[in-house]
Amino acid sequence: PSKTFASAFAGMKPKAAPASYRKAPALQPVRGQ
C-alpha cells in the first residue's frame, strides 16, 4: 500500500480474535461415522 494509505491506519491496533474462537474444542470422531 502507498504511504498515504498506510498512514491512515498508523494509530490502529489489530483486534485479537475472540477467546471462543481460540479455545474451540476439536471435533471427536463418532463411532460408526
Full PDB file with SEQRES, HELIX, SHEET, SSBOND, CRYST1, ORIGX, SCALE, CONECT and MASTER records, all heavy atoms in Angstrom:
SEQRES   1 A   33  PRO SER LYS THR PHE ALA SER ALA PHE ALA GLY MET LYS          
SEQRES   2 A   33  PRO LYS ALA ALA PRO ALA SER TYR ARG LYS ALA PRO ALA          
SEQRES   3 A   33  LEU GLN PRO VAL ARG GLY GLN                                  
HELIX    1 AA1 LYS A    3  SER A    7  1                                   5    
HELIX    2 AA2 ALA A   19  ARG A   22  1                                   4    
CRYST1    1.000    1.000    1.000  90.00  90.00  90.00 P 1           1          
ORIGX1      1.000000  0.000000  0.000000        0.00000                         
ORIGX2      0.000000  1.000000  0.000000        0.00000                         
ORIGX3      0.000000  0.000000  1.000000        0.00000                         
SCALE1      1.000000  0.000000  0.000000        0.00000                         
SCALE2      0.000000  1.000000  0.000000        0.00000                         
SCALE3      0.000000  0.000000  1.000000        0.00000                         
ATOM      1  N   PRO A   1       0.833  -1.210   0.000  1.00  0.00           N  
ATOM      2  CA  PRO A   1       0.000   0.000   0.000  1.00  0.00           C  
ATOM      3  C   PRO A   1       0.862   1.252   0.000  1.00  0.00           C  
ATOM      4  O   PRO A   1       2.012   1.248   0.418  1.00  0.00           O  
ATOM      5  CB  PRO A   1      -0.797  -0.130   1.300  1.00  0.00           C  
ATOM      6  CG  PRO A   1       0.045  -0.991   2.175  1.00  0.00           C  
ATOM      7  CD  PRO A   1       0.752  -1.949   1.261  1.00  0.00           C  
ATOM      8  N   SER A   2       0.279   2.341  -0.513  1.00  0.00           N  
ATOM      9  CA  SER A   2       1.014   3.595  -0.547  1.00  0.00           C  
ATOM     10  C   SER A   2       1.202   4.140   0.871  1.00  0.00           C  
ATOM     11  O   SER A   2       0.511   3.747   1.813  1.00  0.00           O  
ATOM     12  CB  SER A   2       0.257   4.617  -1.406  1.00  0.00           C  
ATOM     13  OG  SER A   2      -0.989   4.908  -0.802  1.00  0.00           O  
ATOM     14  N   LYS A   3       2.136   5.066   1.018  1.00  0.00           N  
ATOM     15  CA  LYS A   3       2.402   5.660   2.320  1.00  0.00           C  
ATOM     16  C   LYS A   3       1.178   6.431   2.818  1.00  0.00           C  
ATOM     17  O   LYS A   3       0.889   6.445   4.015  1.00  0.00           O  
ATOM     18  CB  LYS A   3       3.617   6.579   2.237  1.00  0.00           C  
ATOM     19  CG  LYS A   3       4.918   5.836   1.940  1.00  0.00           C  
ATOM     20  CD  LYS A   3       6.090   6.806   1.911  1.00  0.00           C  
ATOM     21  CE  LYS A   3       7.393   6.065   1.640  1.00  0.00           C  
ATOM     22  NZ  LYS A   3       8.548   6.989   1.593  1.00  0.00           N  
ATOM     23  N   THR A   4       0.472   7.104   1.923  1.00  0.00           N  
ATOM     24  CA  THR A   4      -0.710   7.859   2.330  1.00  0.00           C  
ATOM     25  C   THR A   4      -1.789   6.938   2.873  1.00  0.00           C  
ATOM     26  O   THR A   4      -2.433   7.228   3.890  1.00  0.00           O  
ATOM     27  CB  THR A   4      -1.246   8.654   1.136  1.00  0.00           C  
ATOM     28  OG1 THR A   4      -0.207   9.474   0.612  1.00  0.00           O  
ATOM     29  CG2 THR A   4      -2.433   9.516   1.546  1.00  0.00           C  
ATOM     30  N   PHE A   5      -1.989   5.791   2.186  1.00  0.00           N  
ATOM     31  CA  PHE A   5      -2.998   4.837   2.646  1.00  0.00           C  
ATOM     32  C   PHE A   5      -2.593   4.210   3.983  1.00  0.00           C  
ATOM     33  O   PHE A   5      -3.406   4.055   4.898  1.00  0.00           O  
ATOM     34  CB  PHE A   5      -3.180   3.750   1.583  1.00  0.00           C  
ATOM     35  CG  PHE A   5      -4.223   2.726   1.942  1.00  0.00           C  
ATOM     36  CD1 PHE A   5      -5.564   2.969   1.719  1.00  0.00           C  
ATOM     37  CD2 PHE A   5      -3.852   1.510   2.511  1.00  0.00           C  
ATOM     38  CE1 PHE A   5      -6.524   2.028   2.047  1.00  0.00           C  
ATOM     39  CE2 PHE A   5      -4.803   0.569   2.842  1.00  0.00           C  
ATOM     40  CZ  PHE A   5      -6.144   0.827   2.610  1.00  0.00           C  
ATOM     41  N   ALA A   6      -1.310   3.833   4.123  1.00  0.00           N  
ATOM     42  CA  ALA A   6      -0.851   3.196   5.355  1.00  0.00           C  
ATOM     43  C   ALA A   6      -0.891   4.152   6.539  1.00  0.00           C  
ATOM     44  O   ALA A   6      -1.148   3.752   7.679  1.00  0.00           O  
ATOM     45  CB  ALA A   6       0.565   2.654   5.162  1.00  0.00           C  
ATOM     46  N   SER A   7      -0.638   5.453   6.277  1.00  0.00           N  
ATOM     47  CA  SER A   7      -0.632   6.415   7.392  1.00  0.00           C  
ATOM     48  C   SER A   7      -2.023   6.595   7.989  1.00  0.00           C  
ATOM     49  O   SER A   7      -2.161   6.992   9.138  1.00  0.00           O  
ATOM     50  CB  SER A   7      -0.094   7.757   6.907  1.00  0.00           C  
ATOM     51  OG  SER A   7      -0.933   8.289   5.882  1.00  0.00           O  
ATOM     52  N   ALA A   8      -3.068   6.315   7.213  1.00  0.00           N  
ATOM     53  CA  ALA A   8      -4.427   6.465   7.728  1.00  0.00           C  
ATOM     54  C   ALA A   8      -4.735   5.428   8.802  1.00  0.00           C  
ATOM     55  O   ALA A   8      -5.634   5.618   9.616  1.00  0.00           O  
ATOM     56  CB  ALA A   8      -5.432   6.364   6.589  1.00  0.00           C  
ATOM     57  N   PHE A   9      -3.999   4.315   8.830  1.00  0.00           N  
ATOM     58  CA  PHE A   9      -4.224   3.251   9.810  1.00  0.00           C  
ATOM     59  C   PHE A   9      -3.049   3.101  10.772  1.00  0.00           C  
ATOM     60  O   PHE A   9      -2.897   2.066  11.419  1.00  0.00           O  
ATOM     61  CB  PHE A   9      -4.455   1.918   9.089  1.00  0.00           C  
ATOM     62  CG  PHE A   9      -5.579   1.974   8.084  1.00  0.00           C  
ATOM     63  CD1 PHE A   9      -5.325   2.271   6.753  1.00  0.00           C  
ATOM     64  CD2 PHE A   9      -6.884   1.733   8.475  1.00  0.00           C  
ATOM     65  CE1 PHE A   9      -6.357   2.326   5.833  1.00  0.00           C  
ATOM     66  CE2 PHE A   9      -7.923   1.778   7.556  1.00  0.00           C  
ATOM     67  CZ  PHE A   9      -7.661   2.080   6.227  1.00  0.00           C  
ATOM     68  N   ALA A  10      -2.202   4.147  10.839  1.00  0.00           N  
ATOM     69  CA  ALA A  10      -0.991   4.021  11.660  1.00  0.00           C  
ATOM     70  C   ALA A  10      -1.323   3.892  13.146  1.00  0.00           C  
ATOM     71  O   ALA A  10      -0.654   3.172  13.882  1.00  0.00           O  
ATOM     72  CB  ALA A  10      -0.080   5.231  11.422  1.00  0.00           C  
ATOM     73  N   GLY A  11      -2.348   4.577  13.649  1.00  0.00           N  
ATOM     74  CA  GLY A  11      -2.654   4.548  15.082  1.00  0.00           C  
ATOM     75  C   GLY A  11      -3.589   3.435  15.503  1.00  0.00           C  
ATOM     76  O   GLY A  11      -3.997   3.381  16.664  1.00  0.00           O  
ATOM     77  N   MET A  12      -3.932   2.552  14.622  1.00  0.00           N  
ATOM     78  CA  MET A  12      -4.874   1.479  14.944  1.00  0.00           C  
ATOM     79  C   MET A  12      -4.125   0.179  15.210  1.00  0.00           C  
ATOM     80  O   MET A  12      -3.129  -0.122  14.556  1.00  0.00           O  
ATOM     81  CB  MET A  12      -5.867   1.286  13.786  1.00  0.00           C  
ATOM     82  CG  MET A  12      -6.711   2.535  13.474  1.00  0.00           C  
ATOM     83  SD  MET A  12      -7.836   2.286  12.071  1.00  0.00           S  
ATOM     84  CE  MET A  12      -8.859   0.964  12.733  1.00  0.00           C  
ATOM     85  N   LYS A  13      -4.604  -0.605  16.214  1.00  0.00           N  
ATOM     86  CA  LYS A  13      -4.003  -1.896  16.541  1.00  0.00           C  
ATOM     87  C   LYS A  13      -4.952  -3.013  16.090  1.00  0.00           C  
ATOM     88  O   LYS A  13      -6.176  -2.891  16.229  1.00  0.00           O  
ATOM     89  CB  LYS A  13      -3.760  -2.007  18.040  1.00  0.00           C  
ATOM     90  CG  LYS A  13      -2.731  -1.015  18.569  1.00  0.00           C  
ATOM     91  CD  LYS A  13      -2.511  -1.224  20.057  1.00  0.00           C  
ATOM     92  CE  LYS A  13      -1.469  -0.244  20.588  1.00  0.00           C  
ATOM     93  NZ  LYS A  13      -1.232  -0.429  22.042  1.00  0.00           N  
ATOM     94  N   PRO A  14      -4.388  -4.085  15.572  1.00  0.00           N  
ATOM     95  CA  PRO A  14      -5.270  -5.177  15.131  1.00  0.00           C  
ATOM     96  C   PRO A  14      -5.969  -5.809  16.321  1.00  0.00           C  
ATOM     97  O   PRO A  14      -5.388  -6.012  17.388  1.00  0.00           O  
ATOM     98  CB  PRO A  14      -4.300  -6.151  14.446  1.00  0.00           C  
ATOM     99  CG  PRO A  14      -2.970  -5.836  15.034  1.00  0.00           C  
ATOM    100  CD  PRO A  14      -2.968  -4.370  15.321  1.00  0.00           C  
ATOM    101  N   LYS A  15      -7.229  -6.097  16.182  1.00  0.00           N  
ATOM    102  CA  LYS A  15      -8.004  -6.722  17.231  1.00  0.00           C  
ATOM    103  C   LYS A  15      -7.731  -8.218  17.287  1.00  0.00           C  
ATOM    104  O   LYS A  15      -7.607  -8.871  16.262  1.00  0.00           O  
ATOM    105  CB  LYS A  15      -9.493  -6.482  17.002  1.00  0.00           C  
ATOM    106  CG  LYS A  15      -9.903  -5.023  17.134  1.00  0.00           C  
ATOM    107  CD  LYS A  15     -11.402  -4.877  16.961  1.00  0.00           C  
ATOM    108  CE  LYS A  15     -11.832  -3.418  17.127  1.00  0.00           C  
ATOM    109  NZ  LYS A  15     -13.291  -3.271  16.974  1.00  0.00           N  
ATOM    110  N   ALA A  16      -7.620  -8.735  18.551  1.00  0.00           N  
ATOM    111  CA  ALA A  16      -7.397 -10.175  18.714  1.00  0.00           C  
ATOM    112  C   ALA A  16      -8.702 -10.923  18.474  1.00  0.00           C  
ATOM    113  O   ALA A  16      -9.799 -10.403  18.687  1.00  0.00           O  
ATOM    114  CB  ALA A  16      -6.876 -10.472  20.117  1.00  0.00           C  
ATOM    115  N   ALA A  17      -8.567 -12.171  18.053  1.00  0.00           N  
ATOM    116  CA  ALA A  17      -9.745 -12.989  17.816  1.00  0.00           C  
ATOM    117  C   ALA A  17     -10.417 -13.325  19.138  1.00  0.00           C  
ATOM    118  O   ALA A  17      -9.757 -13.419  20.180  1.00  0.00           O  
ATOM    119  CB  ALA A  17      -9.348 -14.272  17.090  1.00  0.00           C  
ATOM    120  N   PRO A  18     -11.727 -13.469  19.204  1.00  0.00           N  
ATOM    121  CA  PRO A  18     -12.421 -13.823  20.442  1.00  0.00           C  
ATOM    122  C   PRO A  18     -11.892 -15.117  21.034  1.00  0.00           C  
ATOM    123  O   PRO A  18     -11.415 -16.003  20.330  1.00  0.00           O  
ATOM    124  CB  PRO A  18     -13.882 -13.950  19.998  1.00  0.00           C  
ATOM    125  CG  PRO A  18     -13.979 -13.133  18.745  1.00  0.00           C  
ATOM    126  CD  PRO A  18     -12.643 -13.262  18.074  1.00  0.00           C  
ATOM    127  N   ALA A  19     -11.963 -15.210  22.372  1.00  0.00           N  
ATOM    128  CA  ALA A  19     -11.450 -16.413  23.050  1.00  0.00           C  
ATOM    129  C   ALA A  19     -12.212 -17.652  22.634  1.00  0.00           C  
ATOM    130  O   ALA A  19     -11.654 -18.753  22.605  1.00  0.00           O  
ATOM    131  CB  ALA A  19     -11.537 -16.205  24.571  1.00  0.00           C  
ATOM    132  N   SER A  20     -13.471 -17.496  22.340  1.00  0.00           N  
ATOM    133  CA  SER A  20     -14.254 -18.666  21.934  1.00  0.00           C  
ATOM    134  C   SER A  20     -13.732 -19.276  20.657  1.00  0.00           C  
ATOM    135  O   SER A  20     -13.838 -20.482  20.434  1.00  0.00           O  
ATOM    136  CB  SER A  20     -15.730 -18.273  21.777  1.00  0.00           C  
ATOM    137  OG  SER A  20     -15.843 -17.220  20.812  1.00  0.00           O  
ATOM    138  N   TYR A  21     -13.121 -18.424  19.781  1.00  0.00           N  
ATOM    139  CA  TYR A  21     -12.550 -18.956  18.540  1.00  0.00           C  
ATOM    140  C   TYR A  21     -11.256 -19.710  18.811  1.00  0.00           C  
ATOM    141  O   TYR A  21     -10.980 -20.733  18.205  1.00  0.00           O  
ATOM    142  CB  TYR A  21     -12.272 -17.822  17.561  1.00  0.00           C  
ATOM    143  CG  TYR A  21     -13.514 -17.113  17.064  1.00  0.00           C  
ATOM    144  CD1 TYR A  21     -13.418 -15.904  16.376  1.00  0.00           C  
ATOM    145  CD2 TYR A  21     -14.776 -17.656  17.302  1.00  0.00           C  
ATOM    146  CE1 TYR A  21     -14.550 -15.245  15.931  1.00  0.00           C  
ATOM    147  CE2 TYR A  21     -15.918 -17.003  16.861  1.00  0.00           C  
ATOM    148  CZ  TYR A  21     -15.807 -15.804  16.183  1.00  0.00           C  
ATOM    149  OH  TYR A  21     -16.911 -15.166  15.744  1.00  0.00           O  
ATOM    150  N   ARG A  22     -10.435 -19.191  19.797  1.00  0.00           N  
ATOM    151  CA  ARG A  22      -9.141 -19.835  20.050  1.00  0.00           C  
ATOM    152  C   ARG A  22      -9.299 -21.143  20.826  1.00  0.00           C  
ATOM    153  O   ARG A  22      -8.471 -22.033  20.721  1.00  0.00           O  
ATOM    154  CB  ARG A  22      -8.237 -18.868  20.826  1.00  0.00           C  
ATOM    155  CG  ARG A  22      -7.920 -17.583  20.059  1.00  0.00           C  
ATOM    156  CD  ARG A  22      -6.803 -16.812  20.735  1.00  0.00           C  
ATOM    157  NE  ARG A  22      -7.119 -16.476  22.116  1.00  0.00           N  
ATOM    158  CZ  ARG A  22      -7.712 -15.334  22.472  1.00  0.00           C  
ATOM    159  NH1 ARG A  22      -8.084 -14.447  21.541  1.00  0.00           N  
ATOM    160  NH2 ARG A  22      -7.966 -15.067  23.741  1.00  0.00           N  
ATOM    161  N   LYS A  23     -10.326 -21.273  21.687  1.00  0.00           N  
ATOM    162  CA  LYS A  23     -10.480 -22.441  22.546  1.00  0.00           C  
ATOM    163  C   LYS A  23     -11.561 -23.395  22.068  1.00  0.00           C  
ATOM    164  O   LYS A  23     -12.106 -24.184  22.838  1.00  0.00           O  
ATOM    165  CB  LYS A  23     -10.810 -21.997  23.970  1.00  0.00           C  
ATOM    166  CG  LYS A  23      -9.724 -21.126  24.603  1.00  0.00           C  
ATOM    167  CD  LYS A  23     -10.119 -20.707  26.000  1.00  0.00           C  
ATOM    168  CE  LYS A  23      -9.035 -19.852  26.657  1.00  0.00           C  
ATOM    169  NZ  LYS A  23      -9.406 -19.434  28.017  1.00  0.00           N  
ATOM    170  N   ALA A  24     -11.890 -23.308  20.822  1.00  0.00           N  
ATOM    171  CA  ALA A  24     -12.937 -24.199  20.313  1.00  0.00           C  
ATOM    172  C   ALA A  24     -12.453 -25.644  20.369  1.00  0.00           C  
ATOM    173  O   ALA A  24     -11.330 -25.944  19.941  1.00  0.00           O  
ATOM    174  CB  ALA A  24     -13.292 -23.815  18.887  1.00  0.00           C  
ATOM    175  N   PRO A  25     -13.231 -26.583  20.977  1.00  0.00           N  
ATOM    176  CA  PRO A  25     -12.794 -27.984  21.060  1.00  0.00           C  
ATOM    177  C   PRO A  25     -12.742 -28.627  19.685  1.00  0.00           C  
ATOM    178  O   PRO A  25     -13.522 -28.299  18.791  1.00  0.00           O  
ATOM    179  CB  PRO A  25     -13.866 -28.623  21.944  1.00  0.00           C  
ATOM    180  CG  PRO A  25     -15.070 -27.757  21.750  1.00  0.00           C  
ATOM    181  CD  PRO A  25     -14.560 -26.365  21.552  1.00  0.00           C  
ATOM    182  N   ALA A  26     -11.811 -29.544  19.575  1.00  0.00           N  
ATOM    183  CA  ALA A  26     -11.665 -30.261  18.308  1.00  0.00           C  
ATOM    184  C   ALA A  26     -12.812 -31.256  18.172  1.00  0.00           C  
ATOM    185  O   ALA A  26     -13.316 -31.803  19.144  1.00  0.00           O  
ATOM    186  CB  ALA A  26     -10.321 -30.974  18.246  1.00  0.00           C  
ATOM    187  N   LEU A  27     -13.205 -31.509  16.991  1.00  0.00           N  
ATOM    188  CA  LEU A  27     -14.271 -32.466  16.730  1.00  0.00           C  
ATOM    189  C   LEU A  27     -13.779 -33.882  16.999  1.00  0.00           C  
ATOM    190  O   LEU A  27     -12.666 -34.246  16.596  1.00  0.00           O  
ATOM    191  CB  LEU A  27     -14.744 -32.337  15.274  1.00  0.00           C  
ATOM    192  CG  LEU A  27     -15.429 -31.001  14.921  1.00  0.00           C  
ATOM    193  CD1 LEU A  27     -15.782 -30.990  13.440  1.00  0.00           C  
ATOM    194  CD2 LEU A  27     -16.669 -30.798  15.777  1.00  0.00           C  
ATOM    195  N   GLN A  28     -14.575 -34.685  17.716  1.00  0.00           N  
ATOM    196  CA  GLN A  28     -14.232 -36.073  18.010  1.00  0.00           C  
ATOM    197  C   GLN A  28     -14.930 -36.991  17.004  1.00  0.00           C  
ATOM    198  O   GLN A  28     -16.076 -36.768  16.647  1.00  0.00           O  
ATOM    199  CB  GLN A  28     -14.677 -36.441  19.440  1.00  0.00           C  
ATOM    200  CG  GLN A  28     -14.031 -35.602  20.524  1.00  0.00           C  
ATOM    201  CD  GLN A  28     -12.527 -35.803  20.572  1.00  0.00           C  
ATOM    202  OE1 GLN A  28     -12.035 -36.923  20.310  1.00  0.00           O  
ATOM    203  NE2 GLN A  28     -11.792 -34.756  20.919  1.00  0.00           N  
ATOM    204  N   PRO A  29     -14.189 -38.021  16.588  1.00  0.00           N  
ATOM    205  CA  PRO A  29     -14.816 -38.944  15.633  1.00  0.00           C  
ATOM    206  C   PRO A  29     -15.966 -39.709  16.303  1.00  0.00           C  
ATOM    207  O   PRO A  29     -15.875 -40.145  17.440  1.00  0.00           O  
ATOM    208  CB  PRO A  29     -13.681 -39.884  15.244  1.00  0.00           C  
ATOM    209  CG  PRO A  29     -12.710 -39.785  16.356  1.00  0.00           C  
ATOM    210  CD  PRO A  29     -12.811 -38.389  16.899  1.00  0.00           C  
ATOM    211  N   VAL A  30     -17.050 -39.799  15.630  1.00  0.00           N  
ATOM    212  CA  VAL A  30     -18.216 -40.529  16.124  1.00  0.00           C  
ATOM    213  C   VAL A  30     -18.155 -41.968  15.643  1.00  0.00           C  
ATOM    214  O   VAL A  30     -17.856 -42.217  14.474  1.00  0.00           O  
ATOM    215  CB  VAL A  30     -19.513 -39.845  15.628  1.00  0.00           C  
ATOM    216  CG1 VAL A  30     -20.746 -40.587  16.136  1.00  0.00           C  
ATOM    217  CG2 VAL A  30     -19.531 -38.391  16.103  1.00  0.00           C  
ATOM    218  N   ARG A  31     -18.406 -42.877  16.565  1.00  0.00           N  
ATOM    219  CA  ARG A  31     -18.319 -44.293  16.228  1.00  0.00           C  
ATOM    220  C   ARG A  31     -19.397 -44.622  15.189  1.00  0.00           C  
ATOM    221  O   ARG A  31     -20.559 -44.297  15.336  1.00  0.00           O  
ATOM    222  CB  ARG A  31     -18.537 -45.154  17.480  1.00  0.00           C  
ATOM    223  CG  ARG A  31     -18.088 -46.587  17.319  1.00  0.00           C  
ATOM    224  CD  ARG A  31     -18.166 -47.303  18.660  1.00  0.00           C  
ATOM    225  NE  ARG A  31     -17.563 -48.616  18.623  1.00  0.00           N  
ATOM    226  CZ  ARG A  31     -16.262 -48.850  18.734  1.00  0.00           C  
ATOM    227  NH1 ARG A  31     -15.434 -47.832  18.913  1.00  0.00           N  
ATOM    228  NH2 ARG A  31     -15.782 -50.078  18.708  1.00  0.00           N  
ATOM    229  N   GLY A  32     -18.973 -45.283  14.172  1.00  0.00           N  
ATOM    230  CA  GLY A  32     -19.898 -45.657  13.113  1.00  0.00           C  
ATOM    231  C   GLY A  32     -19.955 -44.644  11.975  1.00  0.00           C  
ATOM    232  O   GLY A  32     -20.598 -44.901  10.975  1.00  0.00           O  
ATOM    233  N   GLN A  33     -19.315 -43.457  12.134  1.00  0.00           N  
ATOM    234  CA  GLN A  33     -19.266 -42.456  11.079  1.00  0.00           C  
ATOM    235  C   GLN A  33     -17.827 -42.100  10.763  1.00  0.00           C  
ATOM    236  O   GLN A  33     -16.965 -42.128  11.647  1.00  0.00           O  
ATOM    237  CB  GLN A  33     -20.007 -41.176  11.505  1.00  0.00           C  
ATOM    238  CG  GLN A  33     -21.522 -41.354  11.634  1.00  0.00           C  
ATOM    239  CD  GLN A  33     -22.192 -40.054  11.976  1.00  0.00           C  
ATOM    240  OE1 GLN A  33     -21.538 -39.102  12.369  1.00  0.00           O  
ATOM    241  NE2 GLN A  33     -23.512 -40.032  11.824  1.00  0.00           N  
TER     242      GLN A  33                                                      
MASTER        0    0    0    2    0    0    0    6  241    1    0    3          
END                                                                             
